[in-house]
Amino acid sequence: MQFKLSKSHRYWWPVMVHIPDPDAPGKLIMQELQVQFEPLTRDEFLSAQEAAAKMTTMRELADHEVAQARRIVKNWQGVVDGDGEILPFSEPDLDVALQQPWFRKAVNDALTQSMNGEEARLGN
């Protein structure tokens, strides 16, 4: 297959979220969703890193992290609400998910894995 050069590249990637089990102390529950990423370009990434380096408070850094995730995460599949109903992607719901540390970590891990050219590690 030939290399296809495009200005932006969106792709789906599995995201494994490890959530503390509310019924079993010290145990985790693995939940999976699919996320559509549109990664930052090299220049955008460097600009974001430079901006983060100038921030002086945890609030600034946290808000910056959320803004970057909102820029990169374009869609999701396999997300349900508290009643088990399919939850279509929306920025307000993404913001709710980004308040959970395990979701942020899972998205960051999946993005890093995909950007490093690694195959998805399902079930880990």
PDB file of N, CA and C in Angstrom:
ATOM      1  N   MET A   1       0.844  -1.175   0.000  1.00  0.00           N
ATOM      2  CA  MET A   1       0.000   0.000   0.000  1.00  0.00           C
ATOM      3  C   MET A   1       0.889   1.237   0.000  1.00  0.00           C
ATOM      4  N   GLN A   2       0.536   2.208  -0.779  1.00  0.00           N
ATOM      5  CA  GLN A   2       1.310   3.437  -0.858  1.00  0.00           C
ATOM      6  C   GLN A   2       0.974   4.359   0.311  1.00  0.00           C
ATOM      7  N   PHE A   3       1.953   5.186   0.691  1.00  0.00           N
ATOM      8  CA  PHE A   3       1.749   6.163   1.745  1.00  0.00           C
ATOM      9  C   PHE A   3       0.841   7.271   1.236  1.00  0.00           C
ATOM     10  N   LYS A   4      -0.214   7.547   1.973  1.00  0.00           N
ATOM     11  CA  LYS A   4      -1.169   8.582   1.586  1.00  0.00           C
ATOM     12  C   LYS A   4      -0.900   9.819   2.441  1.00  0.00           C
ATOM     13  N   LEU A   5      -0.520  10.903   1.810  1.00  0.00           N
ATOM     14  CA  LEU A   5      -0.230  12.150   2.505  1.00  0.00           C
ATOM     15  C   LEU A   5      -1.478  13.027   2.501  1.00  0.00           C
ATOM     16  N   SER A   6      -1.912  13.418   3.691  1.00  0.00           N
ATOM     17  CA  SER A   6      -3.077  14.297   3.797  1.00  0.00           C
ATOM     18  C   SER A   6      -2.804  15.342   4.879  1.00  0.00           C
ATOM     19  N   LYS A   7      -3.530  16.442   4.822  1.00  0.00           N
ATOM     20  CA  LYS A   7      -3.315  17.530   5.778  1.00  0.00           C
ATOM     21  C   LYS A   7      -3.770  17.146   7.178  1.00  0.00           C
ATOM     22  N   SER A   8      -4.794  16.313   7.277  1.00  0.00           N
ATOM     23  CA  SER A   8      -5.229  15.812   8.580  1.00  0.00           C
ATOM     24  C   SER A   8      -5.558  14.331   8.424  1.00  0.00           C
ATOM     25  N   HIS A   9      -5.518  13.636   9.535  1.00  0.00           N
ATOM     26  CA  HIS A   9      -5.742  12.199   9.492  1.00  0.00           C
ATOM     27  C   HIS A   9      -6.572  11.802  10.707  1.00  0.00           C
ATOM     28  N   ARG A  10      -7.796  11.398  10.483  1.00  0.00           N
ATOM     29  CA  ARG A  10      -8.650  10.896  11.555  1.00  0.00           C
ATOM     30  C   ARG A  10      -8.673   9.381  11.493  1.00  0.00           C
ATOM     31  N   TYR A  11      -8.681   8.764  12.665  1.00  0.00           N
ATOM     32  CA  TYR A  11      -8.718   7.305  12.722  1.00  0.00           C
ATOM     33  C   TYR A  11      -9.360   6.863  14.033  1.00  0.00           C
ATOM     34  N   TRP A  12      -9.923   5.657  14.000  1.00  0.00           N
ATOM     35  CA  TRP A  12     -10.538   5.046  15.182  1.00  0.00           C
ATOM     36  C   TRP A  12      -9.500   4.203  15.897  1.00  0.00           C
ATOM     37  N   TRP A  13      -9.561   4.213  17.231  1.00  0.00           N
ATOM     38  CA  TRP A  13      -8.626   3.432  18.029  1.00  0.00           C
ATOM     39  C   TRP A  13      -9.332   2.930  19.284  1.00  0.00           C
ATOM     40  N   PRO A  14      -9.074   1.683  19.681  1.00  0.00           N
ATOM     41  CA  PRO A  14      -9.686   1.183  20.924  1.00  0.00           C
ATOM     42  C   PRO A  14      -9.042   1.847  22.139  1.00  0.00           C
ATOM     43  N   VAL A  15      -9.879   2.147  23.118  1.00  0.00           N
ATOM     44  CA  VAL A  15      -9.419   2.767  24.362  1.00  0.00           C
ATOM     45  C   VAL A  15      -9.905   1.875  25.500  1.00  0.00           C
ATOM     46  N   MET A  16      -8.960   1.426  26.317  1.00  0.00           N
ATOM     47  CA  MET A  16      -9.272   0.579  27.464  1.00  0.00           C
ATOM     48  C   MET A  16      -9.211   1.432  28.727  1.00  0.00           C
ATOM     49  N   VAL A  17     -10.344   1.555  29.399  1.00  0.00           N
ATOM     50  CA  VAL A  17     -10.428   2.375  30.605  1.00  0.00           C
ATOM     51  C   VAL A  17     -10.495   1.442  31.811  1.00  0.00           C
ATOM     52  N   HIS A  18      -9.540   1.596  32.710  1.00  0.00           N
ATOM     53  CA  HIS A  18      -9.495   0.786  33.937  1.00  0.00           C
ATOM     54  C   HIS A  18     -10.057   1.632  35.075  1.00  0.00           C
ATOM     55  N   ILE A  19     -11.239   1.233  35.556  1.00  0.00           N
ATOM     56  CA  ILE A  19     -11.987   2.001  36.547  1.00  0.00           C
ATOM     57  C   ILE A  19     -11.991   1.240  37.868  1.00  0.00           C
ATOM     58  N   PRO A  20     -11.791   1.925  38.983  1.00  0.00           N
ATOM     59  CA  PRO A  20     -11.880   1.242  40.272  1.00  0.00           C
ATOM     60  C   PRO A  20     -13.242   0.561  40.447  1.00  0.00           C
ATOM     61  N   ASP A  21     -13.214  -0.678  40.882  1.00  0.00           N
ATOM     62  CA  ASP A  21     -14.436  -1.456  41.093  1.00  0.00           C
ATOM     63  C   ASP A  21     -15.087  -0.992  42.397  1.00  0.00           C
ATOM     64  N   PRO A  22     -16.330  -0.478  42.322  1.00  0.00           N
ATOM     65  CA  PRO A  22     -16.966   0.008  43.542  1.00  0.00           C
ATOM     66  C   PRO A  22     -17.328  -1.096  44.533  1.00  0.00           C
ATOM     67  N   ASP A  23     -17.329  -2.357  44.060  1.00  0.00           N
ATOM     68  CA  ASP A  23     -17.744  -3.466  44.913  1.00  0.00           C
ATOM     69  C   ASP A  23     -16.594  -4.355  45.383  1.00  0.00           C
ATOM     70  N   ALA A  24     -15.393  -4.134  44.844  1.00  0.00           N
ATOM     71  CA  ALA A  24     -14.251  -4.993  45.192  1.00  0.00           C
ATOM     72  C   ALA A  24     -13.040  -4.104  45.459  1.00  0.00           C
ATOM     73  N   PRO A  25     -12.753  -3.828  46.714  1.00  0.00           N
ATOM     74  CA  PRO A  25     -11.631  -2.947  47.041  1.00  0.00           C
ATOM     75  C   PRO A  25     -10.317  -3.429  46.410  1.00  0.00           C
ATOM     76  N   GLY A  26      -9.605  -2.501  45.817  1.00  0.00           N
ATOM     77  CA  GLY A  26      -8.313  -2.810  45.216  1.00  0.00           C
ATOM     78  C   GLY A  26      -8.391  -3.451  43.842  1.00  0.00           C
ATOM     79  N   LYS A  27      -9.583  -3.610  43.305  1.00  0.00           N
ATOM     80  CA  LYS A  27      -9.762  -4.233  41.993  1.00  0.00           C
ATOM     81  C   LYS A  27     -10.185  -3.181  40.976  1.00  0.00           C
ATOM     82  N   LEU A  28      -9.926  -3.500  39.710  1.00  0.00           N
ATOM     83  CA  LEU A  28     -10.300  -2.617  38.613  1.00  0.00           C
ATOM     84  C   LEU A  28     -11.270  -3.316  37.675  1.00  0.00           C
ATOM     85  N   ILE A  29     -12.105  -2.528  37.036  1.00  0.00           N
ATOM     86  CA  ILE A  29     -13.001  -3.004  35.987  1.00  0.00           C
ATOM     87  C   ILE A  29     -12.483  -2.419  34.678  1.00  0.00           C
ATOM     88  N   MET A  30     -12.350  -3.246  33.657  1.00  0.00           N
ATOM     89  CA  MET A  30     -11.917  -2.747  32.360  1.00  0.00           C
ATOM     90  C   MET A  30     -13.134  -2.506  31.490  1.00  0.00           C
ATOM     91  N   GLN A  31     -13.237  -1.277  30.980  1.00  0.00           N
ATOM     92  CA  GLN A  31     -14.300  -0.919  30.059  1.00  0.00           C
ATOM     93  C   GLN A  31     -13.648  -0.439  28.767  1.00  0.00           C
ATOM     94  N   GLU A  32     -14.271  -0.748  27.642  1.00  0.00           N
ATOM     95  CA  GLU A  32     -13.680  -0.412  26.341  1.00  0.00           C
ATOM     96  C   GLU A  32     -14.619   0.480  25.543  1.00  0.00           C
ATOM     97  N   LEU A  33     -14.026   1.414  24.829  1.00  0.00           N
ATOM     98  CA  LEU A  33     -14.744   2.221  23.859  1.00  0.00           C
ATOM     99  C   LEU A  33     -13.830   2.429  22.668  1.00  0.00           C
ATOM    100  N   GLN A  34     -14.375   2.944  21.605  1.00  0.00           N
ATOM    101  CA  GLN A  34     -13.597   3.314  20.424  1.00  0.00           C
ATOM    102  C   GLN A  34     -13.599   4.840  20.361  1.00  0.00           C
ATOM    103  N   VAL A  35     -12.441   5.425  20.101  1.00  0.00           N
ATOM    104  CA  VAL A  35     -12.333   6.877  19.989  1.00  0.00           C
ATOM    105  C   VAL A  35     -11.775   7.222  18.620  1.00  0.00           C
ATOM    106  N   GLN A  36     -12.362   8.238  18.018  1.00  0.00           N
ATOM    107  CA  GLN A  36     -11.814   8.746  16.767  1.00  0.00           C
ATOM    108  C   GLN A  36     -10.888   9.909  17.115  1.00  0.00           C
ATOM    109  N   PHE A  37      -9.616   9.745  16.757  1.00  0.00           N
ATOM    110  CA  PHE A  37      -8.594  10.754  17.018  1.00  0.00           C
ATOM    111  C   PHE A  37      -8.289  11.550  15.754  1.00  0.00           C
ATOM    112  N   GLU A  38      -7.950  12.801  15.958  1.00  0.00           N
ATOM    113  CA  GLU A  38      -7.310  13.618  14.938  1.00  0.00           C
ATOM    114  C   GLU A  38      -6.123  14.278  15.630  1.00  0.00           C
ATOM    115  N   PRO A  39      -4.951  13.663  15.557  1.00  0.00           N
ATOM    116  CA  PRO A  39      -3.808  14.163  16.318  1.00  0.00           C
ATOM    117  C   PRO A  39      -3.361  15.552  15.852  1.00  0.00           C
ATOM    118  N   LEU A  40      -2.698  16.223  16.760  1.00  0.00           N
ATOM    119  CA  LEU A  40      -2.108  17.518  16.429  1.00  0.00           C
ATOM    120  C   LEU A  40      -0.965  17.320  15.448  1.00  0.00           C
ATOM    121  N   THR A  41      -0.753  18.326  14.612  1.00  0.00           N
ATOM    122  CA  THR A  41       0.442  18.299  13.768  1.00  0.00           C
ATOM    123  C   THR A  41       1.659  18.526  14.663  1.00  0.00           C
ATOM    124  N   ARG A  42       2.822  18.312  14.126  1.00  0.00           N
ATOM    125  CA  ARG A  42       4.055  18.527  14.890  1.00  0.00           C
ATOM    126  C   ARG A  42       4.126  19.956  15.414  1.00  0.00           C
ATOM    127  N   ASP A  43       3.824  20.929  14.551  1.00  0.00           N
ATOM    128  CA  ASP A  43       3.891  22.328  14.965  1.00  0.00           C
ATOM    129  C   ASP A  43       2.849  22.647  16.036  1.00  0.00           C
ATOM    130  N   GLU A  44       1.635  22.110  15.890  1.00  0.00           N
ATOM    131  CA  GLU A  44       0.606  22.324  16.911  1.00  0.00           C
ATOM    132  C   GLU A  44       1.019  21.695  18.237  1.00  0.00           C
ATOM    133  N   PHE A  45       1.593  20.502  18.162  1.00  0.00           N
ATOM    134  CA  PHE A  45       2.039  19.812  19.374  1.00  0.00           C
ATOM    135  C   PHE A  45       3.123  20.620  20.085  1.00  0.00           C
ATOM    136  N   LEU A  46       4.105  21.090  19.324  1.00  0.00           N
ATOM    137  CA  LEU A  46       5.184  21.870  19.925  1.00  0.00           C
ATOM    138  C   LEU A  46       4.656  23.167  20.532  1.00  0.00           C
ATOM    139  N   SER A  47       3.743  23.830  19.846  1.00  0.00           N
ATOM    140  CA  SER A  47       3.146  25.052  20.386  1.00  0.00           C
ATOM    141  C   SER A  47       2.395  24.767  21.687  1.00  0.00           C
ATOM    142  N   ALA A  48       1.672  23.659  21.723  1.00  0.00           N
ATOM    143  CA  ALA A  48       0.938  23.290  22.932  1.00  0.00           C
ATOM    144  C   ALA A  48       1.893  22.984  24.078  1.00  0.00           C
ATOM    145  N   GLN A  49       3.001  22.293  23.789  1.00  0.00           N
ATOM    146  CA  GLN A  49       3.994  21.987  24.819  1.00  0.00           C
ATOM    147  C   GLN A  49       4.651  23.268  25.340  1.00  0.00           C
ATOM    148  N   GLU A  50       4.964  24.176  24.443  1.00  0.00           N
ATOM    149  CA  GLU A  50       5.573  25.449  24.850  1.00  0.00           C
ATOM    150  C   GLU A  50       4.604  26.254  25.711  1.00  0.00           C
ATOM    151  N   ALA A  51       3.335  26.262  25.338  1.00  0.00           N
ATOM    152  CA  ALA A  51       2.332  26.974  26.130  1.00  0.00           C
ATOM    153  C   ALA A  51       2.211  26.347  27.517  1.00  0.00           C
ATOM    154  N   ALA A  52       2.191  25.031  27.584  1.00  0.00           N
ATOM    155  CA  ALA A  52       2.081  24.336  28.871  1.00  0.00           C
ATOM    156  C   ALA A  52       3.279  24.633  29.761  1.00  0.00           C
ATOM    157  N   ALA A  53       4.460  24.737  29.170  1.00  0.00           N
ATOM    158  CA  ALA A  53       5.670  24.999  29.947  1.00  0.00           C
ATOM    159  C   ALA A  53       5.622  26.366  30.631  1.00  0.00           C
ATOM    160  N   LYS A  54       4.854  27.288  30.099  1.00  0.00           N
ATOM    161  CA  LYS A  54       4.756  28.638  30.664  1.00  0.00           C
ATOM    162  C   LYS A  54       3.680  28.747  31.749  1.00  0.00           C
ATOM    163  N   MET A  55       2.882  27.708  31.899  1.00  0.00           N
ATOM    164  CA  MET A  55       1.784  27.755  32.869  1.00  0.00           C
ATOM    165  C   MET A  55       2.327  27.553  34.271  1.00  0.00           C
ATOM    166  N   THR A  56       1.710  28.257  35.220  1.00  0.00           N
ATOM    167  CA  THR A  56       2.249  28.252  36.583  1.00  0.00           C
ATOM    168  C   THR A  56       1.338  27.610  37.617  1.00  0.00           C
ATOM    169  N   THR A  57       0.087  27.304  37.248  1.00  0.00           N
ATOM    170  CA  THR A  57      -0.812  26.692  38.219  1.00  0.00           C
ATOM    171  C   THR A  57      -1.331  25.352  37.708  1.00  0.00           C
ATOM    172  N   MET A  58      -1.735  24.506  38.642  1.00  0.00           N
ATOM    173  CA  MET A  58      -2.319  23.211  38.280  1.00  0.00           C
ATOM    174  C   MET A  58      -3.609  23.405  37.495  1.00  0.00           C
ATOM    175  N   ARG A  59      -4.382  24.445  37.832  1.00  0.00           N
ATOM    176  CA  ARG A  59      -5.639  24.725  37.118  1.00  0.00           C
ATOM    177  C   ARG A  59      -5.354  25.046  35.657  1.00  0.00           C
ATOM    178  N   GLU A  60      -4.340  25.876  35.400  1.00  0.00           N
ATOM    179  CA  GLU A  60      -3.992  26.211  34.016  1.00  0.00           C
ATOM    180  C   GLU A  60      -3.602  24.960  33.238  1.00  0.00           C
ATOM    181  N   LEU A  61      -2.768  24.129  33.859  1.00  0.00           N
ATOM    182  CA  LEU A  61      -2.332  22.897  33.194  1.00  0.00           C
ATOM    183  C   LEU A  61      -3.498  21.943  32.945  1.00  0.00           C
ATOM    184  N   ALA A  62      -4.385  21.818  33.922  1.00  0.00           N
ATOM    185  CA  ALA A  62      -5.540  20.929  33.764  1.00  0.00           C
ATOM    186  C   ALA A  62      -6.461  21.436  32.655  1.00  0.00           C
ATOM    187  N   ASP A  63      -6.710  22.730  32.636  1.00  0.00           N
ATOM    188  CA  ASP A  63      -7.562  23.303  31.584  1.00  0.00           C
ATOM    189  C   ASP A  63      -6.916  23.137  30.210  1.00  0.00           C
ATOM    190  N   HIS A  64      -5.608  23.283  30.160  1.00  0.00           N
ATOM    191  CA  HIS A  64      -4.870  23.103  28.905  1.00  0.00           C
ATOM    192  C   HIS A  64      -4.984  21.656  28.423  1.00  0.00           C
ATOM    193  N   GLU A  65      -4.859  20.709  29.349  1.00  0.00           N
ATOM    194  CA  GLU A  65      -4.968  19.292  29.009  1.00  0.00           C
ATOM    195  C   GLU A  65      -6.359  18.985  28.442  1.00  0.00           C
ATOM    196  N   VAL A  66      -7.400  19.537  29.049  1.00  0.00           N
ATOM    197  CA  VAL A  66      -8.764  19.312  28.565  1.00  0.00           C
ATOM    198  C   VAL A  66      -8.946  19.936  27.183  1.00  0.00           C
ATOM    199  N   ALA A  67      -8.424  21.137  26.991  1.00  0.00           N
ATOM    200  CA  ALA A  67      -8.541  21.800  25.687  1.00  0.00           C
ATOM    201  C   ALA A  67      -7.851  20.982  24.597  1.00  0.00           C
ATOM    202  N   GLN A  68      -6.698  20.397  24.912  1.00  0.00           N
ATOM    203  CA  GLN A  68      -5.995  19.577  23.932  1.00  0.00           C
ATOM    204  C   GLN A  68      -6.779  18.307  23.628  1.00  0.00           C
ATOM    205  N   ALA A  69      -7.356  17.684  24.649  1.00  0.00           N
ATOM    206  CA  ALA A  69      -8.167  16.472  24.428  1.00  0.00           C
ATOM    207  C   ALA A  69      -9.385  16.806  23.570  1.00  0.00           C
ATOM    208  N   ARG A  70     -10.003  17.967  23.822  1.00  0.00           N
ATOM    209  CA  ARG A  70     -11.166  18.369  23.016  1.00  0.00           C
ATOM    210  C   ARG A  70     -10.764  18.582  21.561  1.00  0.00           C
ATOM    211  N   ARG A  71      -9.547  19.002  21.335  1.00  0.00           N
ATOM    212  CA  ARG A  71      -9.052  19.225  19.966  1.00  0.00           C
ATOM    213  C   ARG A  71      -8.775  17.896  19.256  1.00  0.00           C
ATOM    214  N   ILE A  72      -8.337  16.887  19.993  1.00  0.00           N
ATOM    215  CA  ILE A  72      -7.881  15.623  19.417  1.00  0.00           C
ATOM    216  C   ILE A  72      -9.002  14.582  19.305  1.00  0.00           C
ATOM    217  N   VAL A  73      -9.886  14.509  20.299  1.00  0.00           N
ATOM    218  CA  VAL A  73     -10.963  13.515  20.313  1.00  0.00           C
ATOM    219  C   VAL A  73     -12.136  14.066  19.506  1.00  0.00           C
ATOM    220  N   LYS A  74     -12.488  13.363  18.417  1.00  0.00           N
ATOM    221  CA  LYS A  74     -13.521  13.838  17.499  1.00  0.00           C
ATOM    222  C   LYS A  74     -14.827  13.068  17.578  1.00  0.00           C
ATOM    223  N   ASN A  75     -14.778  11.849  18.111  1.00  0.00           N
ATOM    224  CA  ASN A  75     -15.988  11.036  18.157  1.00  0.00           C
ATOM    225  C   ASN A  75     -15.717   9.845  19.065  1.00  0.00           C
ATOM    226  N   TRP A  76     -16.771   9.152  19.437  1.00  0.00           N
ATOM    227  CA  TRP A  76     -16.617   7.894  20.172  1.00  0.00           C
ATOM    228  C   TRP A  76     -17.739   6.941  19.835  1.00  0.00           C
ATOM    229  N   GLN A  77     -17.483   5.675  20.121  1.00  0.00           N
ATOM    230  CA  GLN A  77     -18.474   4.603  19.978  1.00  0.00           C
ATOM    231  C   GLN A  77     -18.334   3.709  21.196  1.00  0.00           C
ATOM    232  N   GLY A  78     -19.436   3.081  21.576  1.00  0.00           N
ATOM    233  CA  GLY A  78     -19.376   2.138  22.685  1.00  0.00           C
ATOM    234  C   GLY A  78     -19.479   2.807  24.044  1.00  0.00           C
ATOM    235  N   VAL A  79     -20.096   3.988  24.106  1.00  0.00           N
ATOM    236  CA  VAL A  79     -20.293   4.697  25.372  1.00  0.00           C
ATOM    237  C   VAL A  79     -21.784   4.660  25.690  1.00  0.00           C
ATOM    238  N   VAL A  80     -22.093   4.322  26.927  1.00  0.00           N
ATOM    239  CA  VAL A  80     -23.484   4.294  27.376  1.00  0.00           C
ATOM    240  C   VAL A  80     -23.632   5.177  28.615  1.00  0.00           C
ATOM    241  N   ASP A  81     -24.867   5.605  28.865  1.00  0.00           N
ATOM    242  CA  ASP A  81     -25.129   6.421  30.050  1.00  0.00           C
ATOM    243  C   ASP A  81     -25.406   5.516  31.246  1.00  0.00           C
ATOM    244  N   GLY A  82     -25.779   6.113  32.366  1.00  0.00           N
ATOM    245  CA  GLY A  82     -26.030   5.360  33.590  1.00  0.00           C
ATOM    246  C   GLY A  82     -27.149   4.339  33.486  1.00  0.00           C
ATOM    247  N   ASP A  83     -28.033   4.517  32.505  1.00  0.00           N
ATOM    248  CA  ASP A  83     -29.131   3.571  32.291  1.00  0.00           C
ATOM    249  C   ASP A  83     -28.806   2.529  31.229  1.00  0.00           C
ATOM    250  N   GLY A  84     -27.576   2.581  30.685  1.00  0.00           N
ATOM    251  CA  GLY A  84     -27.185   1.625  29.662  1.00  0.00           C
ATOM    252  C   GLY A  84     -27.594   2.015  28.258  1.00  0.00           C
ATOM    253  N   GLU A  85     -28.109   3.233  28.086  1.00  0.00           N
ATOM    254  CA  GLU A  85     -28.507   3.708  26.765  1.00  0.00           C
ATOM    255  C   GLU A  85     -27.294   4.274  26.024  1.00  0.00           C
ATOM    256  N   ILE A  86     -27.232   4.053  24.715  1.00  0.00           N
ATOM    257  CA  ILE A  86     -26.123   4.552  23.910  1.00  0.00           C
ATOM    258  C   ILE A  86     -26.036   6.066  24.055  1.00  0.00           C
ATOM    259  N   LEU A  87     -24.832   6.539  24.303  1.00  0.00           N
ATOM    260  CA  LEU A  87     -24.588   7.970  24.483  1.00  0.00           C
ATOM    261  C   LEU A  87     -23.804   8.479  23.280  1.00  0.00           C
ATOM    262  N   PRO A  88     -24.474   9.193  22.370  1.00  0.00           N
ATOM    263  CA  PRO A  88     -23.759   9.736  21.212  1.00  0.00           C
ATOM    264  C   PRO A  88     -22.706  10.742  21.675  1.00  0.00           C
ATOM    265  N   PHE A  89     -21.686  10.906  20.872  1.00  0.00           N
ATOM    266  CA  PHE A  89     -20.610  11.839  21.195  1.00  0.00           C
ATOM    267  C   PHE A  89     -21.126  13.275  21.203  1.00  0.00           C
ATOM    268  N   SER A  90     -20.699  14.023  22.208  1.00  0.00           N
ATOM    269  CA  SER A  90     -20.937  15.467  22.257  1.00  0.00           C
ATOM    270  C   SER A  90     -19.810  16.077  23.086  1.00  0.00           C
ATOM    271  N   GLU A  91     -19.490  17.316  22.819  1.00  0.00           N
ATOM    272  CA  GLU A  91     -18.437  17.969  23.602  1.00  0.00           C
ATOM    273  C   GLU A  91     -18.806  18.084  25.083  1.00  0.00           C
ATOM    274  N   PRO A  92     -20.061  18.397  25.435  1.00  0.00           N
ATOM    275  CA  PRO A  92     -20.388  18.418  26.871  1.00  0.00           C
ATOM    276  C   PRO A  92     -20.168  17.065  27.554  1.00  0.00           C
ATOM    277  N   ASP A  93     -20.524  15.960  26.877  1.00  0.00           N
ATOM    278  CA  ASP A  93     -20.295  14.641  27.469  1.00  0.00           C
ATOM    279  C   ASP A  93     -18.805  14.297  27.499  1.00  0.00           C
ATOM    280  N   LEU A  94     -18.060  14.722  26.496  1.00  0.00           N
ATOM    281  CA  LEU A  94     -16.604  14.542  26.529  1.00  0.00           C
ATOM    282  C   LEU A  94     -16.032  15.277  27.731  1.00  0.00           C
ATOM    283  N   ASP A  95     -16.512  16.482  27.988  1.00  0.00           N
ATOM    284  CA  ASP A  95     -16.029  17.241  29.149  1.00  0.00           C
ATOM    285  C   ASP A  95     -16.305  16.501  30.453  1.00  0.00           C
ATOM    286  N   VAL A  96     -17.478  15.868  30.551  1.00  0.00           N
ATOM    287  CA  VAL A  96     -17.800  15.073  31.745  1.00  0.00           C
ATOM    288  C   VAL A  96     -16.818  13.911  31.869  1.00  0.00           C
ATOM    289  N   ALA A  97     -16.576  13.209  30.764  1.00  0.00           N
ATOM    290  CA  ALA A  97     -15.646  12.072  30.791  1.00  0.00           C
ATOM    291  C   ALA A  97     -14.236  12.524  31.161  1.00  0.00           C
ATOM    292  N   LEU A  98     -13.821  13.685  30.672  1.00  0.00           N
ATOM    293  CA  LEU A  98     -12.465  14.187  30.944  1.00  0.00           C
ATOM    294  C   LEU A  98     -12.268  14.602  32.398  1.00  0.00           C
ATOM    295  N   GLN A  99     -13.347  14.695  33.158  1.00  0.00           N
ATOM    296  CA  GLN A  99     -13.228  14.968  34.586  1.00  0.00           C
ATOM    297  C   GLN A  99     -12.770  13.728  35.357  1.00  0.00           C
ATOM    298  N   GLN A 100     -12.860  12.571  34.719  1.00  0.00           N
ATOM    299  CA  GLN A 100     -12.467  11.316  35.367  1.00  0.00           C
ATOM    300  C   GLN A 100     -11.013  10.995  35.025  1.00  0.00           C
ATOM    301  N   PRO A 101     -10.155  10.867  36.030  1.00  0.00           N
ATOM    302  CA  PRO A 101      -8.729  10.642  35.748  1.00  0.00           C
ATOM    303  C   PRO A 101      -8.466   9.376  34.948  1.00  0.00           C
ATOM    304  N   TRP A 102      -9.223   8.325  35.183  1.00  0.00           N
ATOM    305  CA  TRP A 102      -8.995   7.073  34.453  1.00  0.00           C
ATOM    306  C   TRP A 102      -9.342   7.219  32.973  1.00  0.00           C
ATOM    307  N   PHE A 103     -10.323   8.049  32.642  1.00  0.00           N
ATOM    308  CA  PHE A 103     -10.651   8.286  31.239  1.00  0.00           C
ATOM    309  C   PHE A 103      -9.526   9.074  30.569  1.00  0.00           C
ATOM    310  N   ARG A 104      -9.052  10.130  31.221  1.00  0.00           N
ATOM    311  CA  ARG A 104      -7.961  10.927  30.640  1.00  0.00           C
ATOM    312  C   ARG A 104      -6.733  10.064  30.405  1.00  0.00           C
ATOM    313  N   LYS A 105      -6.386   9.230  31.390  1.00  0.00           N
ATOM    314  CA  LYS A 105      -5.210   8.364  31.249  1.00  0.00           C
ATOM    315  C   LYS A 105      -5.394   7.386  30.100  1.00  0.00           C
ATOM    316  N   ALA A 106      -6.564   6.777  30.004  1.00  0.00           N
ATOM    317  CA  ALA A 106      -6.817   5.792  28.946  1.00  0.00           C
ATOM    318  C   ALA A 106      -6.735   6.435  27.564  1.00  0.00           C
ATOM    319  N   VAL A 107      -7.309   7.618  27.412  1.00  0.00           N
ATOM    320  CA  VAL A 107      -7.260   8.313  26.118  1.00  0.00           C
ATOM    321  C   VAL A 107      -5.827   8.681  25.781  1.00  0.00           C
ATOM    322  N   ASN A 108      -5.094   9.219  26.760  1.00  0.00           N
ATOM    323  CA  ASN A 108      -3.684   9.582  26.514  1.00  0.00           C
ATOM    324  C   ASN A 108      -2.850   8.358  26.156  1.00  0.00           C
ATOM    325  N   ASP A 109      -3.065   7.237  26.871  1.00  0.00           N
ATOM    326  CA  ASP A 109      -2.322   6.012  26.578  1.00  0.00           C
ATOM    327  C   ASP A 109      -2.617   5.510  25.169  1.00  0.00           C
ATOM    328  N   ALA A 110      -3.906   5.520  24.777  1.00  0.00           N
ATOM    329  CA  ALA A 110      -4.286   5.032  23.454  1.00  0.00           C
ATOM    330  C   ALA A 110      -3.718   5.926  22.357  1.00  0.00           C
ATOM    331  N   LEU A 111      -3.775   7.228  22.570  1.00  0.00           N
ATOM    332  CA  LEU A 111      -3.234   8.156  21.574  1.00  0.00           C
ATOM    333  C   LEU A 111      -1.728   7.947  21.416  1.00  0.00           C
ATOM    334  N   THR A 112      -1.017   7.836  22.535  1.00  0.00           N
ATOM    335  CA  THR A 112       0.430   7.612  22.482  1.00  0.00           C
ATOM    336  C   THR A 112       0.748   6.311  21.767  1.00  0.00           C
ATOM    337  N   GLN A 113       0.023   5.263  22.096  1.00  0.00           N
ATOM    338  CA  GLN A 113       0.217   3.955  21.465  1.00  0.00           C
ATOM    339  C   GLN A 113       0.029   4.057  19.955  1.00  0.00           C
ATOM    340  N   SER A 114      -1.032   4.720  19.538  1.00  0.00           N
ATOM    341  CA  SER A 114      -1.313   4.819  18.107  1.00  0.00           C
ATOM    342  C   SER A 114      -0.275   5.687  17.396  1.00  0.00           C
ATOM    343  N   MET A 115       0.173   6.745  18.043  1.00  0.00           N
ATOM    344  CA  MET A 115       1.148   7.656  17.426  1.00  0.00           C
ATOM    345  C   MET A 115       2.544   7.035  17.356  1.00  0.00           C
ATOM    346  N   ASN A 116       2.806   6.071  18.237  1.00  0.00           N
ATOM    347  CA  ASN A 116       4.104   5.388  18.226  1.00  0.00           C
ATOM    348  C   ASN A 116       4.131   4.221  17.253  1.00  0.00           C
ATOM    349  N   GLY A 117       3.045   4.025  16.528  1.00  0.00           N
ATOM    350  CA  GLY A 117       3.006   2.950  15.541  1.00  0.00           C
ATOM    351  C   GLY A 117       2.840   1.564  16.144  1.00  0.00           C
ATOM    352  N   GLU A 118       2.273   1.504  17.352  1.00  0.00           N
ATOM    353  CA  GLU A 118       2.060   0.221  18.025  1.00  0.00           C
ATOM    354  C   GLU A 118       0.660  -0.291  17.684  1.00  0.00           C
ATOM    355  N   GLU A 119       0.536  -1.585  17.548  1.00  0.00           N
ATOM    356  CA  GLU A 119      -0.791  -2.181  17.411  1.00  0.00           C
ATOM    357  C   GLU A 119      -1.509  -2.047  18.745  1.00  0.00           C
ATOM    358  N   ALA A 120      -2.819  -1.971  18.681  1.00  0.00           N
ATOM    359  CA  ALA A 120      -3.608  -1.873  19.911  1.00  0.00           C
ATOM    360  C   ALA A 120      -3.435  -3.138  20.734  1.00  0.00           C
ATOM    361  N   ARG A 121      -3.291  -2.961  22.046  1.00  0.00           N
ATOM    362  CA  ARG A 121      -3.183  -4.090  22.966  1.00  0.00           C
ATOM    363  C   ARG A 121      -4.549  -4.292  23.601  1.00  0.00           C
ATOM    364  N   LEU A 122      -5.319  -5.157  23.019  1.00  0.00           N
ATOM    365  CA  LEU A 122      -6.674  -5.377  23.497  1.00  0.00           C
ATOM    366  C   LEU A 122      -6.666  -6.277  24.712  1.00  0.00           C
ATOM    367  N   GLY A 123      -7.539  -5.931  25.660  1.00  0.00           N
ATOM    368  CA  GLY A 123      -7.710  -6.775  26.827  1.00  0.00           C
ATOM    369  C   GLY A 123      -6.654  -6.640  27.889  1.00  0.00           C
ATOM    370  N   ASN A 124      -5.760  -5.682  27.785  1.00  0.00           N
ATOM    371  CA  ASN A 124      -4.708  -5.492  28.805  1.00  0.00           C
ATOM    372  C   ASN A 124      -5.066  -4.382  29.754  1.00  0.00           C
TER     373      ASN A 124
END
